[in-house]
Amino acid sequence: MSAEIIRECFAEAISAAESGDPKFLVTLQSRRDDSVWVQLRWDDINASYPHSKDPTQLLESVGISLPEGVTIEAWEANRFVTFEHAAYPTEPLVEFVEAYFIQVLGLTPSAFTLKITRE
């Protein structure tokens, strides 16, 4: 279920960019904890980052690999991390975001109820 939601949100962001709105943003936020969020654009993923460890090291320690073409653009300990990516292929991005919610942000699959905001 969560992958389906993430896939639809990526499709919206990519479609908006292709239609001339590259700044279109979709925010997925936990209904249980406002500090758990991920923002999707056609070319980047911005996410809450409640850790002090370098994100590259943390991702490796929890078994998440960055999809091909995805790089860490910026991060600030205990605040956020921004990943830059190409819009396609989207499926590795969807899998990455779902794993990030679960492994990094601690959102269990049973608690995967999200508020979705479009800007």
C-alpha atoms as a PDB file:
ATOM      1  CA  MET A   1       0.000   0.000   0.000  1.00  0.00           C
ATOM      2  CA  SER A   2       2.693   2.512   0.916  1.00  0.00           C
ATOM      3  CA  ALA A   3       4.620   1.930  -2.315  1.00  0.00           C
ATOM      4  CA  GLU A   4       1.441   2.612  -4.270  1.00  0.00           C
ATOM      5  CA  ILE A   5       0.949   5.978  -2.538  1.00  0.00           C
ATOM      6  CA  ILE A   6       4.581   6.965  -3.050  1.00  0.00           C
ATOM      7  CA  ARG A   7       4.438   5.908  -6.715  1.00  0.00           C
ATOM      8  CA  GLU A   8       1.328   8.055  -7.309  1.00  0.00           C
ATOM      9  CA  CYS A   9       2.957  11.067  -5.630  1.00  0.00           C
ATOM     10  CA  PHE A  10       6.102  10.754  -7.751  1.00  0.00           C
ATOM     11  CA  ALA A  11       3.920  10.518 -10.862  1.00  0.00           C
ATOM     12  CA  GLU A  12       2.124  13.729  -9.850  1.00  0.00           C
ATOM     13  CA  ALA A  13       5.394  15.595  -9.281  1.00  0.00           C
ATOM     14  CA  ILE A  14       6.866  14.431 -12.595  1.00  0.00           C
ATOM     15  CA  SER A  15       3.676  15.265 -14.480  1.00  0.00           C
ATOM     16  CA  ALA A  16       3.586  18.753 -12.949  1.00  0.00           C
ATOM     17  CA  ALA A  17       7.206  19.367 -13.986  1.00  0.00           C
ATOM     18  CA  GLU A  18       6.508  18.143 -17.520  1.00  0.00           C
ATOM     19  CA  SER A  19       3.555  20.556 -17.617  1.00  0.00           C
ATOM     20  CA  GLY A  20       5.766  23.503 -16.690  1.00  0.00           C
ATOM     21  CA  ASP A  21       5.656  23.500 -12.872  1.00  0.00           C
ATOM     22  CA  PRO A  22       9.069  22.136 -11.771  1.00  0.00           C
ATOM     23  CA  LYS A  23       8.608  23.495  -8.226  1.00  0.00           C
ATOM     24  CA  PHE A  24       5.502  21.344  -7.574  1.00  0.00           C
ATOM     25  CA  LEU A  25       5.968  19.561  -4.254  1.00  0.00           C
ATOM     26  CA  VAL A  26       4.185  16.658  -2.589  1.00  0.00           C
ATOM     27  CA  THR A  27       4.671  16.233   1.164  1.00  0.00           C
ATOM     28  CA  LEU A  28       3.964  12.877   2.777  1.00  0.00           C
ATOM     29  CA  GLN A  29       3.736  13.226   6.548  1.00  0.00           C
ATOM     30  CA  SER A  30       2.916  10.708   9.255  1.00  0.00           C
ATOM     31  CA  ARG A  31      -0.528  11.232  10.753  1.00  0.00           C
ATOM     32  CA  ARG A  32       0.889  10.072  14.115  1.00  0.00           C
ATOM     33  CA  ASP A  33       4.079  12.151  14.186  1.00  0.00           C
ATOM     34  CA  ASP A  34       4.482  15.478  12.333  1.00  0.00           C
ATOM     35  CA  SER A  35       8.269  15.168  12.561  1.00  0.00           C
ATOM     36  CA  VAL A  36       8.160  12.205  10.147  1.00  0.00           C
ATOM     37  CA  TRP A  37       7.922  13.549   6.603  1.00  0.00           C
ATOM     38  CA  VAL A  38       9.268  13.238   3.063  1.00  0.00           C
ATOM     39  CA  GLN A  39       8.847  15.796   0.286  1.00  0.00           C
ATOM     40  CA  LEU A  40       8.928  14.738  -3.360  1.00  0.00           C
ATOM     41  CA  ARG A  41       9.747  16.817  -6.407  1.00  0.00           C
ATOM     42  CA  TRP A  42      10.456  15.573  -9.883  1.00  0.00           C
ATOM     43  CA  ASP A  43      14.208  15.933  -9.260  1.00  0.00           C
ATOM     44  CA  ASP A  44      14.764  15.702  -5.503  1.00  0.00           C
ATOM     45  CA  ILE A  45      13.624  14.094  -2.284  1.00  0.00           C
ATOM     46  CA  ASN A  46      13.787  16.135   0.910  1.00  0.00           C
ATOM     47  CA  ALA A  47      13.207  14.245   4.146  1.00  0.00           C
ATOM     48  CA  SER A  48      13.282  14.670   7.878  1.00  0.00           C
ATOM     49  CA  TYR A  49      16.519  13.316   9.298  1.00  0.00           C
ATOM     50  CA  PRO A  50      16.418  12.711  13.059  1.00  0.00           C
ATOM     51  CA  HIS A  51      20.007  11.481  13.305  1.00  0.00           C
ATOM     52  CA  SER A  52      23.439  12.990  13.876  1.00  0.00           C
ATOM     53  CA  LYS A  53      25.387  10.362  11.906  1.00  0.00           C
ATOM     54  CA  ASP A  54      26.358  11.095   8.286  1.00  0.00           C
ATOM     55  CA  PRO A  55      23.404   9.899   6.131  1.00  0.00           C
ATOM     56  CA  THR A  56      25.670   7.823   3.874  1.00  0.00           C
ATOM     57  CA  GLN A  57      26.877   5.859   6.892  1.00  0.00           C
ATOM     58  CA  LEU A  58      23.410   5.561   8.402  1.00  0.00           C
ATOM     59  CA  LEU A  59      21.834   4.318   5.171  1.00  0.00           C
ATOM     60  CA  GLU A  60      24.583   1.731   4.827  1.00  0.00           C
ATOM     61  CA  SER A  61      24.147   0.608   8.455  1.00  0.00           C
ATOM     62  CA  VAL A  62      20.405  -0.047   7.943  1.00  0.00           C
ATOM     63  CA  GLY A  63      20.913  -1.777   4.601  1.00  0.00           C
ATOM     64  CA  ILE A  64      19.639   0.914   2.240  1.00  0.00           C
ATOM     65  CA  SER A  65      21.563   1.577  -0.956  1.00  0.00           C
ATOM     66  CA  LEU A  66      21.112   4.802  -2.871  1.00  0.00           C
ATOM     67  CA  PRO A  67      19.523   4.036  -6.240  1.00  0.00           C
ATOM     68  CA  GLU A  68      21.690   4.655  -9.278  1.00  0.00           C
ATOM     69  CA  GLY A  69      21.873   8.367 -10.050  1.00  0.00           C
ATOM     70  CA  VAL A  70      20.761   9.440  -6.558  1.00  0.00           C
ATOM     71  CA  THR A  71      23.148  11.620  -4.553  1.00  0.00           C
ATOM     72  CA  ILE A  72      22.988  13.409  -1.226  1.00  0.00           C
ATOM     73  CA  GLU A  73      22.744  17.100  -2.066  1.00  0.00           C
ATOM     74  CA  ALA A  74      22.613  18.497   1.480  1.00  0.00           C
ATOM     75  CA  TRP A  75      21.933  17.463   5.038  1.00  0.00           C
ATOM     76  CA  GLU A  76      21.817  18.864   8.521  1.00  0.00           C
ATOM     77  CA  ALA A  77      22.067  16.643  11.575  1.00  0.00           C
ATOM     78  CA  ASN A  78      18.764  16.095  13.374  1.00  0.00           C
ATOM     79  CA  ARG A  79      16.891  18.183  10.773  1.00  0.00           C
ATOM     80  CA  PHE A  80      16.811  17.111   7.102  1.00  0.00           C
ATOM     81  CA  VAL A  81      18.529  15.396   4.194  1.00  0.00           C
ATOM     82  CA  THR A  82      18.042  16.197   0.507  1.00  0.00           C
ATOM     83  CA  PHE A  83      18.647  13.647  -2.237  1.00  0.00           C
ATOM     84  CA  GLU A  84      18.999  14.721  -5.854  1.00  0.00           C
ATOM     85  CA  HIS A  85      17.819  12.313  -8.560  1.00  0.00           C
ATOM     86  CA  ALA A  86      16.702  11.935 -12.150  1.00  0.00           C
ATOM     87  CA  ALA A  87      12.951  11.519 -12.575  1.00  0.00           C
ATOM     88  CA  TYR A  88      13.293   8.120 -14.232  1.00  0.00           C
ATOM     89  CA  PRO A  89      13.250   5.258 -13.512  1.00  0.00           C
ATOM     90  CA  THR A  90      10.816   5.872 -10.691  1.00  0.00           C
ATOM     91  CA  GLU A  91      10.495   2.368  -9.237  1.00  0.00           C
ATOM     92  CA  PRO A  92      13.923   2.404  -7.505  1.00  0.00           C
ATOM     93  CA  LEU A  93      13.002   5.843  -6.078  1.00  0.00           C
ATOM     94  CA  VAL A  94       9.697   4.504  -4.760  1.00  0.00           C
ATOM     95  CA  GLU A  95      11.466   1.553  -3.118  1.00  0.00           C
ATOM     96  CA  PHE A  96      14.084   3.895  -1.640  1.00  0.00           C
ATOM     97  CA  VAL A  97      11.485   6.270  -0.132  1.00  0.00           C
ATOM     98  CA  GLU A  98       9.485   3.395   1.333  1.00  0.00           C
ATOM     99  CA  ALA A  99      12.643   1.899   2.898  1.00  0.00           C
ATOM    100  CA  TYR A 100      13.652   5.349   4.176  1.00  0.00           C
ATOM    101  CA  PHE A 101      10.291   5.800   5.939  1.00  0.00           C
ATOM    102  CA  ILE A 102      10.626   2.389   7.588  1.00  0.00           C
ATOM    103  CA  GLN A 103      14.372   2.031   8.254  1.00  0.00           C
ATOM    104  CA  VAL A 104      15.422   5.638   8.894  1.00  0.00           C
ATOM    105  CA  LEU A 105      12.269   7.318  10.181  1.00  0.00           C
ATOM    106  CA  GLY A 106      10.932   4.279  12.042  1.00  0.00           C
ATOM    107  CA  LEU A 107       7.474   4.322  10.489  1.00  0.00           C
ATOM    108  CA  THR A 108       6.250   0.753  10.808  1.00  0.00           C
ATOM    109  CA  PRO A 109       4.181  -0.636   7.931  1.00  0.00           C
ATOM    110  CA  SER A 110       1.162  -0.951  10.252  1.00  0.00           C
ATOM    111  CA  ALA A 111       1.433   2.788  11.081  1.00  0.00           C
ATOM    112  CA  PHE A 112       1.907   3.860   7.478  1.00  0.00           C
ATOM    113  CA  THR A 113      -0.953   6.362   7.380  1.00  0.00           C
ATOM    114  CA  LEU A 114       0.112   9.590   5.738  1.00  0.00           C
ATOM    115  CA  LYS A 115      -1.208  13.095   5.254  1.00  0.00           C
ATOM    116  CA  ILE A 116      -0.501  14.207   1.705  1.00  0.00           C
ATOM    117  CA  THR A 117      -0.091  17.900   0.883  1.00  0.00           C
ATOM    118  CA  ARG A 118       0.378  19.259  -2.619  1.00  0.00           C
ATOM    119  CA  GLU A 119       1.939  22.674  -3.250  1.00  0.00           C
END
